Amino acid sequence: MKRTIFYKKFMISYNIIIFTFLFITNLVLVKNIQKKDTIYNQKINERMVNNIYDIFNRTENFVSNFMFELYSDDVILEDTMYLLNNDLIEYFKHKIDKFCLSNKSYYNGIQYFIKTNFQRNNYIKSIEILSYKTNTSYLFERDNNLKKKTLSISEMDKNFLQSTEENSDEILYIRNLNNPKNLKVEGSIIFKMDKNIIKNTLENYEEILRLLILKQNGLILYDSNQEEINFIDISNIINKYKDNVNIKKVLDDFVIMGVAENETTFISNPELIVYIIIFDIIVFIAFEFFIFKRLKKMNNRLNLILDTMTNINNNGDYTLKRIPKEAQTEKDEISIFCEKFNIMCGELEEYANKYYVSLINEKNAEMKMLQNSINPHFLYNTLESIRMKAIINNDREVAKMIFILAHLFRNQLKEKDIITIKNELEYCNKFLEIYKFRYPEKFTYSLDCEEELLEQTTIKFVLQPLLENYFVHGIKLENNDNILNIKIKRILNYINIIMEDNGKGIEKYKLEELRVKIKNNEIDSSMVGILNVNQRIKIKYGEKYGLHIQSEEGKGTTISVKLPYKEM
């Protein structure tokens, strides 16, 4: 016989469990690392977008404040309009004349206004003013230089200017300059932001982050990857990275989009693969060593048990062979089995010695039981003889009681276990009549049953134990107004028997105890009648049938019996 089958099966099973455990652990570990890495990149991406948004938002506020102050100051606005409608020489003459008439130490014109505003924002590289009347461009730089250039008609077009942003080093904020007197557009003012500011900001972030800056019309102003893409490509990027895309709008001018382009942490991080492999090897070796030691020891113990049983099977010697203590070194099921097996062997030895004595005692007990048994027909016939004697002595009340008692006893002997509800009610009526003799004027009762239910069947003695329980525990013998009502009716597909009284009731703790025993189908010697009825109903018809009790101490008890209804 092979003694390693158990060992091999368990070893294979444990190896499958170990590999499954390592696979799931690795999978969960990689997924968690990827998830944390993704969350981290999302936060960094959000921080990058917020920083770029802050740059554009500050610049947007600067442009808005600049235009507001320009239109709020009549002197500066008049100087700007003069510049737009005249050539530069004529403008300078006008500027000198104005300055001479002024008592200030400086000329408060558009050039001085732009110079002071450069100090408010470091992102604006230069400000350019275009005159539509003279087709001239005036470029104001941060070093206070002014450059004049004559432009073609196409270069003056706003759409043309915006289209040059994509390939230039500047981002343009273009605003119209309207004459406040007639609201005619006299020119444009262009605020030029240096893109190097964006590049310098992105140096603080990882290469996996990609920044795109777009106009609301779809024009791509900036791409940190410096790729030639169009609006359709941007839609594909959004669909590809989904949750790793962060988008913010700057008023109605720009759209800032940050993308974390890290799809797989596991593949892109070879060190992680090495660590996981080392972890798997260490765990596998540790598990294999532990399982080998445990299974080897268990296999040795089982071999000892198998040897003992084989020897017993061969020579039938129960007195000499027991499982050795070496197989019981641990507190587990095998040790319990060994202990029980050794006890069983001792008991078998004892039973073998006492077998014939027990057999003789059993035969003697059966003989004695037969000798002491009473013929029930003899008892019934004796009651009939007593009743006839009472009639001869003209004691008809005693004769009636004996007749009812004999009738009950006869029904108990002759009727089958399954009877009709009609027969059960007749038996209960006889039973109540006996108690009427015992307690005259103490109680009244009623038996009410729907006619269609009289031929329905039930197990015998469903109500008698409940009635007896009432007369033993429930009736108030000191009162004469005791009432006992029994109603039998059909509810859907079952029969409901309700026995209701106004007696002593049941104490609350005893009622809870009784309900628990009914629910658990238990037997208690102090409640044997009620619990016996419940148990017999459940055994016969199933768990959904049985008793339910409601009671209030001092006010009475209601017992509901649920039985199955059968179509006739």
Protein backbone atom coordinates (compact mmCIF):
# COMPACT_ATOMS: atom_id res chain seq x y z
CA MET A 1 0.00 0.00 0.00
CA LYS A 2 1.33 3.45 -0.94
CA ARG A 3 1.88 5.61 2.12
CA THR A 4 2.61 8.93 0.28
CA ILE A 5 -0.70 9.48 -1.52
CA PHE A 6 -1.99 11.82 1.17
CA TYR A 7 1.31 13.73 1.22
CA LYS A 8 1.43 14.16 -2.58
CA LYS A 9 -2.20 15.28 -2.88
CA PHE A 10 -1.84 17.88 -0.17
CA MET A 11 1.49 19.08 -1.56
CA ILE A 12 -0.05 19.61 -4.99
CA SER A 13 -3.07 21.36 -3.49
CA TYR A 14 -0.92 23.65 -1.34
CA ASN A 15 1.32 24.51 -4.31
CA ILE A 16 -1.74 25.49 -6.34
CA ILE A 17 -2.87 27.67 -3.43
CA ILE A 18 0.60 29.26 -3.12
CA PHE A 19 0.82 30.08 -6.84
CA THR A 20 -2.72 31.44 -6.79
CA PHE A 21 -1.90 33.54 -3.73
CA LEU A 22 1.28 34.92 -5.31
CA PHE A 23 -0.52 35.68 -8.58
CA ILE A 24 -3.34 37.54 -6.84
CA THR A 25 -0.89 39.32 -4.52
CA ASN A 26 1.26 40.45 -7.45
CA LEU A 27 -1.79 41.55 -9.39
CA VAL A 28 -3.17 43.55 -6.47
CA LEU A 29 0.28 45.00 -5.73
CA VAL A 30 0.85 46.13 -9.32
CA LYS A 31 -2.68 47.52 -9.58
CA ASN A 32 -2.28 49.47 -6.33
CA ILE A 33 1.09 50.86 -7.43
CA GLN A 34 -0.38 51.84 -10.79
CA LYS A 35 -3.38 53.41 -9.08
CA LYS A 36 -1.21 55.39 -6.64
CA ASP A 37 1.09 56.42 -9.47
CA THR A 38 -1.90 57.54 -11.54
CA ILE A 39 -3.35 59.53 -8.61
CA TYR A 40 0.06 61.10 -8.01
CA ASN A 41 0.40 62.08 -11.67
CA GLN A 42 -3.14 63.45 -11.66
CA LYS A 43 -2.30 65.68 -8.71
CA ILE A 44 0.95 66.85 -10.32
CA ASN A 45 -0.92 67.43 -13.58
CA GLU A 46 -3.56 69.45 -11.74
CA ARG A 47 -0.87 71.49 -9.98
CA MET A 48 0.87 72.18 -13.33
CA VAL A 49 -2.41 73.29 -14.96
CA ASN A 50 -3.20 75.50 -11.97
CA ASN A 51 0.23 77.17 -12.18
CA ILE A 52 -0.14 77.85 -15.91
CA TYR A 53 -3.73 78.98 -15.33
CA ASP A 54 -2.44 81.41 -12.68
CA ILE A 55 -0.02 82.92 -15.23
CA PHE A 56 -2.78 83.40 -17.82
CA ASN A 57 -5.25 84.61 -15.23
CA ARG A 58 -2.84 87.25 -13.95
CA THR A 59 -2.09 88.33 -17.51
CA GLU A 60 -5.81 88.46 -18.30
CA ASN A 61 -6.40 90.64 -15.24
CA PHE A 62 -3.50 92.85 -16.24
CA VAL A 63 -4.94 93.35 -19.74
CA SER A 64 -8.42 94.08 -18.33
CA ASN A 65 -7.05 96.63 -15.84
CA PHE A 66 -4.88 98.20 -18.54
CA MET A 67 -7.86 98.73 -20.85
CA PHE A 68 -10.02 100.00 -18.00
CA GLU A 69 -7.43 102.57 -16.91
CA LEU A 70 -6.81 103.57 -20.54
CA TYR A 71 -10.45 104.44 -21.12
CA SER A 72 -10.78 106.00 -17.66
CA ASP A 73 -8.04 108.59 -18.24
CA ASP A 74 -9.12 111.16 -20.84
CA VAL A 75 -5.59 112.51 -21.31
CA ILE A 76 -4.05 109.13 -22.09
CA LEU A 77 -7.01 108.12 -24.26
CA GLU A 78 -6.80 111.40 -26.28
CA ASP A 79 -3.05 110.85 -26.73
CA THR A 80 -3.66 107.28 -27.95
CA MET A 81 -6.33 108.36 -30.45
CA TYR A 82 -4.02 111.09 -31.81
CA LEU A 83 -1.27 108.50 -32.31
CA LEU A 84 -3.68 106.22 -34.21
CA ASN A 85 -4.89 108.96 -36.56
CA ASN A 86 -1.58 110.75 -37.35
CA ASP A 87 1.92 109.87 -38.42
CA LEU A 88 4.69 109.64 -35.84
CA ILE A 89 6.25 113.07 -36.60
CA GLU A 90 2.89 114.82 -36.26
CA TYR A 91 2.29 112.85 -33.00
CA PHE A 92 5.65 113.99 -31.54
CA LYS A 93 4.88 117.64 -32.39
CA HIS A 94 1.53 117.30 -30.70
CA LYS A 95 3.21 115.62 -27.71
CA ILE A 96 5.78 118.46 -27.34
CA ASP A 97 3.07 121.10 -27.56
CA LYS A 98 1.02 119.39 -24.88
CA PHE A 99 4.03 118.93 -22.64
CA CYS A 100 4.97 122.60 -22.94
CA LEU A 101 1.51 123.67 -21.89
CA SER A 102 1.57 121.23 -18.96
CA ASN A 103 3.04 122.01 -15.54
CA LYS A 104 4.12 118.38 -15.00
CA SER A 105 7.71 117.10 -15.14
CA TYR A 106 6.69 114.29 -17.49
CA TYR A 107 4.32 113.81 -20.39
CA ASN A 108 1.37 111.60 -19.38
CA GLY A 109 0.82 109.93 -22.73
CA ILE A 110 0.40 106.40 -23.97
CA GLN A 111 4.15 105.70 -23.94
CA TYR A 112 4.52 106.66 -20.27
CA PHE A 113 1.34 104.73 -19.40
CA ILE A 114 2.70 101.57 -21.06
CA LYS A 115 6.08 101.98 -19.34
CA THR A 116 4.51 102.15 -15.87
CA ASN A 117 2.27 99.18 -16.60
CA PHE A 118 5.23 96.99 -17.58
CA GLN A 119 6.22 97.06 -13.90
CA ARG A 120 2.88 95.46 -12.90
CA ASN A 121 3.32 92.27 -14.91
CA ASN A 122 6.53 90.39 -15.71
CA TYR A 123 4.86 88.06 -18.20
CA ILE A 124 4.22 90.73 -20.90
CA LYS A 125 7.19 90.95 -23.24
CA SER A 126 5.98 93.93 -25.31
CA ILE A 127 2.87 95.90 -26.23
CA GLU A 128 2.08 96.77 -29.84
CA ILE A 129 -0.41 99.35 -31.10
CA LEU A 130 -1.78 99.08 -34.64
CA SER A 131 -3.29 102.04 -36.48
CA TYR A 132 -5.89 101.12 -39.09
CA LYS A 133 -5.80 104.61 -40.62
CA THR A 134 -2.04 104.88 -41.19
CA ASN A 135 -1.35 101.07 -41.46
CA THR A 136 1.40 101.56 -38.92
CA SER A 137 2.60 99.41 -36.04
CA TYR A 138 4.11 100.95 -32.88
CA LEU A 139 5.97 98.37 -30.75
CA PHE A 140 6.65 99.38 -27.12
CA GLU A 141 9.30 97.16 -25.48
CA ARG A 142 10.18 96.73 -21.80
CA ASP A 143 13.47 98.71 -22.24
CA ASN A 144 11.36 101.72 -23.29
CA ASN A 145 12.27 101.36 -26.96
CA LEU A 146 9.67 102.29 -29.55
CA LYS A 147 9.77 100.60 -32.95
CA LYS A 148 7.71 101.76 -35.90
CA LYS A 149 6.78 99.53 -38.82
CA THR A 150 4.51 99.97 -41.80
CA LEU A 151 2.21 96.98 -42.31
CA SER A 152 0.35 95.54 -45.25
CA ILE A 153 -3.43 95.24 -45.17
CA SER A 154 -3.24 91.46 -44.51
CA GLU A 155 -0.93 91.97 -41.55
CA MET A 156 -3.46 94.32 -40.00
CA ASP A 157 -6.17 91.63 -40.02
CA LYS A 158 -6.99 90.25 -36.56
CA ASN A 159 -7.37 86.67 -37.79
CA PHE A 160 -4.00 86.85 -39.50
CA LEU A 161 -2.38 88.03 -36.29
CA GLN A 162 -3.90 85.19 -34.29
CA SER A 163 -2.82 82.59 -36.86
CA THR A 164 0.84 83.61 -36.39
CA GLU A 165 0.71 82.75 -32.66
CA GLU A 166 1.06 79.01 -33.23
CA ASN A 167 4.60 79.22 -34.63
CA SER A 168 5.82 82.33 -32.81
CA ASP A 169 7.44 82.66 -29.39
CA GLU A 170 4.63 84.87 -28.15
CA ILE A 171 1.01 84.57 -27.12
CA LEU A 172 -1.15 87.53 -28.13
CA TYR A 173 -3.91 89.31 -26.27
CA ILE A 174 -5.63 91.46 -28.93
CA ARG A 175 -8.05 94.23 -27.93
CA ASN A 176 -9.79 96.81 -30.13
CA LEU A 177 -9.21 100.54 -29.62
CA ASN A 178 -12.49 102.39 -30.15
CA ASN A 179 -12.89 106.16 -30.46
CA PRO A 180 -15.06 107.11 -27.47
CA LYS A 181 -16.75 109.87 -29.47
CA ASN A 182 -18.16 107.76 -32.29
CA LEU A 183 -17.21 104.19 -31.13
CA LYS A 184 -15.34 103.68 -34.39
CA VAL A 185 -12.53 101.09 -34.25
CA GLU A 186 -9.40 103.13 -34.79
CA GLY A 187 -6.91 100.33 -34.21
CA SER A 188 -5.84 97.46 -31.99
CA ILE A 189 -3.56 97.00 -29.02
CA ILE A 190 -1.65 93.70 -28.75
CA PHE A 191 -0.20 92.43 -25.47
CA LYS A 192 2.56 89.89 -26.20
CA MET A 193 3.33 87.27 -23.57
CA ASP A 194 6.65 85.40 -23.84
CA LYS A 195 6.18 81.60 -24.21
CA ASN A 196 9.49 81.04 -22.44
CA ILE A 197 7.68 81.81 -19.20
CA ILE A 198 5.58 78.68 -19.78
CA LYS A 199 8.67 76.63 -20.67
CA ASN A 200 10.46 77.76 -17.50
CA THR A 201 7.43 76.79 -15.40
CA LEU A 202 7.27 73.31 -16.97
CA GLU A 203 10.90 72.60 -16.05
CA ASN A 204 9.70 71.85 -12.51
CA TYR A 205 7.48 68.98 -13.73
CA GLU A 206 8.14 65.48 -15.05
CA GLU A 207 8.38 64.68 -18.74
CA ILE A 208 5.31 62.42 -18.60
CA LEU A 209 3.16 65.57 -18.28
CA ARG A 210 2.09 67.27 -21.48
CA LEU A 211 0.75 70.83 -21.68
CA LEU A 212 -1.46 72.14 -24.47
CA ILE A 213 -2.70 75.73 -24.75
CA LEU A 214 -5.50 76.45 -27.22
CA LYS A 215 -7.62 79.33 -28.32
CA GLN A 216 -11.36 78.91 -27.94
CA ASN A 217 -11.59 78.62 -31.72
CA GLY A 218 -9.34 75.53 -31.68
CA LEU A 219 -6.05 77.24 -32.60
CA ILE A 220 -3.14 75.46 -30.88
CA LEU A 221 -0.82 78.06 -29.32
CA TYR A 222 1.50 75.82 -27.36
CA ASP A 223 2.41 72.11 -27.13
CA SER A 224 5.11 71.01 -24.69
CA ASN A 225 5.82 67.98 -26.93
CA GLN A 226 6.36 70.29 -29.90
CA GLU A 227 4.32 68.05 -32.20
CA GLU A 228 2.32 69.17 -35.21
CA ILE A 229 -1.24 68.29 -34.21
CA ASN A 230 -4.70 69.56 -35.06
CA PHE A 231 -8.01 69.80 -33.22
CA ILE A 232 -8.94 66.19 -34.15
CA ASP A 233 -5.66 64.97 -32.60
CA ILE A 234 -6.61 66.76 -29.39
CA SER A 235 -9.96 64.96 -29.31
CA ASN A 236 -8.11 61.65 -29.67
CA ILE A 237 -5.79 62.57 -26.80
CA ILE A 238 -8.76 63.35 -24.54
CA ASN A 239 -10.45 60.04 -25.43
CA LYS A 240 -7.22 58.06 -24.93
CA TYR A 241 -6.22 59.36 -21.50
CA LYS A 242 -9.70 60.27 -20.17
CA ASP A 243 -9.28 60.67 -16.38
CA ASN A 244 -5.66 61.81 -16.79
CA VAL A 245 -6.70 65.00 -18.61
CA ASN A 246 -7.17 68.28 -16.73
CA ILE A 247 -8.77 71.21 -18.57
CA LYS A 248 -9.26 74.83 -17.45
CA LYS A 249 -10.62 77.83 -19.31
CA VAL A 250 -9.32 81.38 -18.94
CA LEU A 251 -12.40 83.51 -19.48
CA ASP A 252 -13.28 83.41 -23.20
CA ASP A 253 -9.71 83.51 -24.54
CA PHE A 254 -7.72 80.38 -23.79
CA VAL A 255 -8.08 76.70 -22.90
CA ILE A 256 -5.31 75.09 -20.79
CA MET A 257 -5.09 71.29 -20.98
CA GLY A 258 -2.71 69.08 -18.99
CA VAL A 259 -2.24 65.40 -19.88
CA ALA A 260 -0.50 62.73 -17.76
CA GLU A 261 0.74 60.31 -20.42
CA ASN A 262 1.70 57.37 -18.17
CA GLU A 263 -0.19 54.23 -19.23
CA THR A 264 1.77 51.46 -17.46
CA THR A 265 3.93 51.82 -14.36
CA PHE A 266 4.77 48.10 -14.23
CA ILE A 267 6.42 47.89 -17.65
CA SER A 268 8.12 51.25 -17.42
CA ASN A 269 9.69 50.43 -14.05
CA PRO A 270 12.11 47.45 -14.32
CA GLU A 271 13.18 47.83 -10.67
CA LEU A 272 9.61 47.06 -9.62
CA ILE A 273 9.65 43.82 -11.62
CA VAL A 274 12.90 42.74 -9.91
CA TYR A 275 11.51 43.50 -6.43
CA ILE A 276 8.33 41.54 -7.13
CA ILE A 277 10.28 38.52 -8.43
CA ILE A 278 12.52 38.54 -5.33
CA PHE A 279 9.44 38.81 -3.09
CA ASP A 280 7.78 35.88 -4.91
CA ILE A 281 10.88 33.67 -4.55
CA ILE A 282 11.25 34.39 -0.83
CA VAL A 283 7.57 33.78 -0.11
CA PHE A 284 7.52 30.60 -2.21
CA ILE A 285 10.58 29.10 -0.47
CA ALA A 286 9.23 30.01 2.99
CA PHE A 287 5.82 28.48 2.27
CA GLU A 288 7.33 25.35 0.69
CA PHE A 289 9.62 24.75 3.68
CA PHE A 290 6.83 25.26 6.20
CA ILE A 291 4.34 23.08 4.30
CA PHE A 292 6.93 20.32 3.74
CA LYS A 293 7.70 20.12 7.47
CA ARG A 294 4.05 20.12 8.46
CA LEU A 295 2.89 17.59 5.89
CA LYS A 296 5.83 15.28 6.59
CA LYS A 297 5.00 15.20 10.27
CA MET A 298 1.29 14.69 9.56
CA ASN A 299 2.07 11.90 7.10
CA ASN A 300 4.17 10.08 9.74
CA ARG A 301 1.33 10.31 12.25
CA LEU A 302 -1.16 8.94 9.72
CA ASN A 303 1.20 6.03 8.95
CA LEU A 304 1.23 5.12 12.65
CA ILE A 305 -2.59 5.12 12.69
CA LEU A 306 -2.74 3.06 9.50
CA ASP A 307 -0.27 0.49 10.91
CA THR A 308 -2.35 0.11 14.07
CA MET A 309 -5.61 -0.37 12.17
CA THR A 310 -3.97 -2.84 9.77
CA ASN A 311 -2.77 -5.00 12.65
CA ILE A 312 -6.21 -4.94 14.30
CA ASN A 313 -7.82 -5.93 11.02
CA ASN A 314 -5.37 -8.81 10.59
CA ASN A 315 -5.56 -10.52 13.99
CA GLY A 316 -8.69 -9.05 15.56
CA ASP A 317 -6.79 -8.29 18.77
CA TYR A 318 -8.55 -5.28 20.30
CA THR A 319 -6.92 -5.72 23.72
CA LEU A 320 -3.28 -5.46 22.68
CA LYS A 321 -3.24 -2.77 19.98
CA ARG A 322 -3.73 0.95 20.57
CA ILE A 323 -2.61 3.95 18.52
CA PRO A 324 0.79 5.09 19.95
CA LYS A 325 1.25 8.41 21.74
CA GLU A 326 3.60 9.56 18.95
CA ALA A 327 0.53 10.07 16.74
CA GLN A 328 -1.06 12.34 19.36
CA THR A 329 1.70 14.96 19.70
CA GLU A 330 -0.50 17.88 18.61
CA LYS A 331 -3.89 19.15 19.69
CA ASP A 332 -5.83 18.63 16.49
CA GLU A 333 -8.49 16.39 14.94
CA ILE A 334 -6.00 13.54 14.39
CA SER A 335 -5.19 13.44 18.11
CA ILE A 336 -8.90 13.52 18.93
CA PHE A 337 -9.48 10.69 16.49
CA CYS A 338 -6.66 8.64 18.09
CA GLU A 339 -8.03 9.27 21.56
CA LYS A 340 -11.57 8.31 20.55
CA PHE A 341 -10.31 5.24 18.69
CA ASN A 342 -8.39 4.02 21.74
CA ILE A 343 -11.45 4.61 23.92
CA MET A 344 -13.57 2.72 21.39
CA CYS A 345 -11.18 -0.23 21.52
CA GLY A 346 -11.43 -0.30 25.32
CA GLU A 347 -15.21 -0.10 25.16
CA LEU A 348 -15.33 -2.91 22.58
CA GLU A 349 -13.27 -5.04 24.91
CA GLU A 350 -15.64 -4.26 27.76
CA TYR A 351 -18.71 -4.85 25.60
CA ALA A 352 -17.33 -8.21 24.50
CA ASN A 353 -17.10 -9.29 28.14
CA LYS A 354 -20.59 -8.06 29.03
CA TYR A 355 -22.42 -9.10 25.86
CA TYR A 356 -24.03 -12.27 27.13
CA VAL A 357 -24.95 -10.73 30.51
CA SER A 358 -26.64 -7.80 28.78
CA LEU A 359 -28.50 -10.10 26.41
CA ILE A 360 -29.85 -12.17 29.31
CA ASN A 361 -30.92 -9.05 31.24
CA GLU A 362 -32.73 -7.72 28.16
CA LYS A 363 -34.69 -10.97 27.74
CA ASN A 364 -35.64 -10.93 31.43
CA ALA A 365 -36.88 -7.31 31.14
CA GLU A 366 -39.04 -8.17 28.13
CA MET A 367 -40.57 -11.08 29.99
CA LYS A 368 -41.35 -8.93 33.02
CA MET A 369 -42.96 -6.25 30.84
CA LEU A 370 -45.22 -8.85 29.23
CA GLN A 371 -46.20 -10.20 32.62
CA ASN A 372 -47.07 -6.74 34.02
CA SER A 373 -49.02 -5.47 30.98
CA ILE A 374 -52.75 -4.72 31.36
CA ASN A 375 -55.27 -5.45 28.65
CA PRO A 376 -56.81 -2.04 27.72
CA HIS A 377 -60.07 -3.76 26.70
CA PHE A 378 -60.31 -5.13 30.25
CA LEU A 379 -60.10 -1.52 31.60
CA TYR A 380 -62.78 -0.28 29.12
CA ASN A 381 -65.11 -3.21 29.98
CA THR A 382 -64.57 -2.59 33.69
CA LEU A 383 -65.66 1.08 33.28
CA GLU A 384 -68.81 -0.10 31.50
CA SER A 385 -69.59 -2.47 34.38
CA ILE A 386 -69.18 0.37 36.91
CA ARG A 387 -71.47 2.60 34.81
CA MET A 388 -74.18 -0.08 34.74
CA LYS A 389 -73.89 -0.47 38.54
CA ALA A 390 -74.35 3.30 38.92
CA ILE A 391 -77.49 3.20 36.75
CA ILE A 392 -78.91 0.35 38.88
CA ASN A 393 -78.23 2.47 42.00
CA ASN A 394 -80.05 5.37 40.28
CA ASP A 395 -76.88 7.55 40.30
CA ARG A 396 -77.25 8.85 36.75
CA GLU A 397 -74.80 11.74 37.12
CA VAL A 398 -71.96 9.38 38.03
CA ALA A 399 -73.08 7.04 35.25
CA LYS A 400 -72.89 9.90 32.72
CA MET A 401 -69.38 10.85 33.85
CA ILE A 402 -68.24 7.22 33.57
CA PHE A 403 -69.88 6.97 30.12
CA ILE A 404 -68.05 10.07 28.88
CA LEU A 405 -64.76 8.84 30.36
CA ALA A 406 -65.22 5.39 28.80
CA HIS A 407 -66.07 7.05 25.46
CA LEU A 408 -62.87 9.10 25.62
CA PHE A 409 -60.84 6.06 26.55
CA ARG A 410 -62.39 4.05 23.74
CA ASN A 411 -61.63 6.76 21.19
CA GLN A 412 -58.08 6.90 22.41
CA LEU A 413 -57.71 3.14 21.89
CA LYS A 414 -59.58 2.57 18.65
CA GLU A 415 -59.28 5.66 16.49
CA LYS A 416 -56.42 6.09 14.04
CA ASP A 417 -53.74 8.78 14.35
CA ILE A 418 -55.37 10.85 11.56
CA ILE A 419 -58.99 11.87 12.24
CA THR A 420 -61.46 14.49 11.00
CA ILE A 421 -61.85 17.86 12.69
CA LYS A 422 -65.43 16.81 13.44
CA ASN A 423 -64.19 13.82 15.49
CA GLU A 424 -61.61 16.01 17.24
CA LEU A 425 -64.34 18.49 18.23
CA GLU A 426 -66.57 15.66 19.52
CA TYR A 427 -63.69 14.41 21.63
CA CYS A 428 -63.04 17.96 22.95
CA ASN A 429 -66.74 18.40 23.72
CA LYS A 430 -66.73 15.18 25.82
CA PHE A 431 -63.54 16.31 27.53
CA LEU A 432 -65.10 19.68 28.42
CA GLU A 433 -68.22 17.99 29.73
CA ILE A 434 -66.11 16.07 32.25
CA TYR A 435 -64.61 19.36 33.48
CA LYS A 436 -68.14 20.78 33.65
CA PHE A 437 -68.88 18.07 36.19
CA ARG A 438 -65.71 18.97 38.11
CA TYR A 439 -66.18 22.76 38.00
CA PRO A 440 -69.92 23.46 37.67
CA GLU A 441 -70.86 27.11 37.12
CA LYS A 442 -67.16 28.06 36.91
CA PHE A 443 -66.77 28.44 33.15
CA THR A 444 -68.57 28.56 29.84
CA TYR A 445 -67.26 27.42 26.49
CA SER A 446 -68.09 27.51 22.79
CA LEU A 447 -66.96 25.44 19.81
CA ASP A 448 -67.37 27.18 16.45
CA CYS A 449 -66.20 25.61 13.18
CA GLU A 450 -66.92 26.46 9.55
CA GLU A 451 -69.01 23.64 8.12
CA GLU A 452 -66.72 23.01 5.12
CA LEU A 453 -63.84 22.25 7.52
CA LEU A 454 -65.57 19.48 9.53
CA GLU A 455 -64.40 16.76 7.13
CA GLN A 456 -60.85 18.10 6.93
CA THR A 457 -58.31 15.76 8.55
CA THR A 458 -55.81 16.42 11.32
CA ILE A 459 -53.63 14.45 13.70
CA LYS A 460 -55.41 13.15 16.81
CA PHE A 461 -55.31 15.10 20.09
CA VAL A 462 -54.44 18.55 18.71
CA LEU A 463 -56.78 20.39 21.10
CA GLN A 464 -57.03 18.05 24.12
CA PRO A 465 -53.52 18.86 25.53
CA LEU A 466 -54.23 22.59 25.07
CA LEU A 467 -57.56 22.26 26.91
CA GLU A 468 -55.92 20.31 29.71
CA ASN A 469 -53.20 22.97 29.96
CA TYR A 470 -55.91 25.61 30.36
CA PHE A 471 -57.64 23.76 33.23
CA VAL A 472 -54.31 23.10 34.97
CA HIS A 473 -52.66 26.52 34.56
CA GLY A 474 -55.08 29.04 33.06
CA ILE A 475 -58.53 28.89 34.68
CA LYS A 476 -59.37 31.23 37.57
CA LEU A 477 -61.28 28.89 39.89
CA GLU A 478 -62.03 31.76 42.29
CA ASN A 479 -64.14 33.42 39.55
CA ASN A 480 -67.38 32.28 37.90
CA ASP A 481 -66.91 34.24 34.65
CA ASN A 482 -64.27 32.07 32.97
CA ILE A 483 -64.79 31.92 29.19
CA LEU A 484 -63.20 29.51 26.72
CA ASN A 485 -63.84 29.94 22.97
CA ILE A 486 -62.58 27.71 20.16
CA LYS A 487 -62.98 28.95 16.57
CA ILE A 488 -61.92 27.05 13.45
CA LYS A 489 -61.81 28.86 10.11
CA ARG A 490 -60.05 28.73 6.78
CA ILE A 491 -57.51 31.39 5.74
CA LEU A 492 -56.30 30.98 2.16
CA ASN A 493 -54.69 27.52 1.92
CA TYR A 494 -54.49 26.65 5.62
CA ILE A 495 -56.77 26.03 8.61
CA ASN A 496 -56.54 28.33 11.61
CA ILE A 497 -57.70 27.06 15.03
CA ILE A 498 -57.93 29.81 17.65
CA MET A 499 -58.37 28.91 21.32
CA GLU A 500 -58.98 32.03 23.41
CA ASP A 501 -59.58 32.39 27.17
CA ASN A 502 -59.78 35.15 29.77
CA GLY A 503 -57.79 33.27 32.39
CA LYS A 504 -54.60 33.92 34.32
CA GLY A 505 -52.37 34.44 31.28
CA ILE A 506 -48.65 33.69 31.15
CA GLU A 507 -45.87 35.66 32.81
CA LYS A 508 -43.78 37.63 30.32
CA TYR A 509 -40.49 35.77 30.85
CA LYS A 510 -42.24 32.38 30.72
CA LEU A 511 -44.00 33.42 27.51
CA GLU A 512 -40.68 34.35 25.86
CA GLU A 513 -39.17 31.05 27.04
CA LEU A 514 -42.15 29.13 25.63
CA ARG A 515 -41.95 30.94 22.27
CA VAL A 516 -38.24 30.12 21.97
CA LYS A 517 -38.91 26.43 22.66
CA ILE A 518 -41.74 26.40 20.10
CA LYS A 519 -39.49 28.06 17.51
CA ASN A 520 -36.63 25.61 18.16
CA ASN A 521 -39.02 22.62 18.34
CA GLU A 522 -37.82 21.69 21.85
CA ILE A 523 -39.43 19.56 24.58
CA ASP A 524 -39.72 20.61 28.24
CA SER A 525 -41.22 18.44 30.98
CA SER A 526 -43.02 21.47 32.47
CA MET A 527 -44.65 22.35 29.12
CA VAL A 528 -44.89 18.92 27.57
CA GLY A 529 -48.53 19.24 26.37
CA ILE A 530 -48.15 22.42 24.29
CA LEU A 531 -44.67 21.58 22.99
CA ASN A 532 -45.73 18.01 22.13
CA VAL A 533 -48.63 19.29 19.98
CA ASN A 534 -46.33 21.75 18.19
CA GLN A 535 -43.70 19.06 17.56
CA ARG A 536 -46.22 16.52 16.23
CA ILE A 537 -47.72 19.10 13.83
CA LYS A 538 -44.29 20.08 12.45
CA ILE A 539 -43.20 16.45 12.06
CA LYS A 540 -46.41 15.62 10.18
CA TYR A 541 -46.97 18.74 8.06
CA GLY A 542 -43.69 20.69 7.99
CA GLU A 543 -41.97 23.67 9.63
CA LYS A 544 -44.40 26.32 8.36
CA TYR A 545 -47.22 24.83 10.48
CA GLY A 546 -47.54 24.71 14.28
CA LEU A 547 -48.48 26.85 17.28
CA HIS A 548 -48.31 30.57 18.01
CA ILE A 549 -49.08 31.94 21.49
CA GLN A 550 -50.11 35.42 22.62
CA SER A 551 -50.74 36.11 26.28
CA GLU A 552 -50.94 38.88 28.83
CA GLU A 553 -50.66 38.15 32.52
CA GLY A 554 -54.03 38.53 34.27
CA LYS A 555 -55.98 39.01 31.02
CA GLY A 556 -55.85 35.68 29.23
CA THR A 557 -54.18 33.65 26.49
CA THR A 558 -54.76 33.10 22.77
CA ILE A 559 -53.30 30.02 21.09
CA SER A 560 -53.32 29.86 17.28
CA VAL A 561 -52.87 26.46 15.58
CA LYS A 562 -51.96 26.48 11.89
CA LEU A 563 -52.82 23.33 9.87
CA PRO A 564 -52.83 22.64 6.11
CA TYR A 565 -56.08 22.83 4.12
CA LYS A 566 -56.69 20.08 1.54
CA GLU A 567 -59.13 20.40 -1.33
CA MET A 568 -61.82 17.73 -1.01
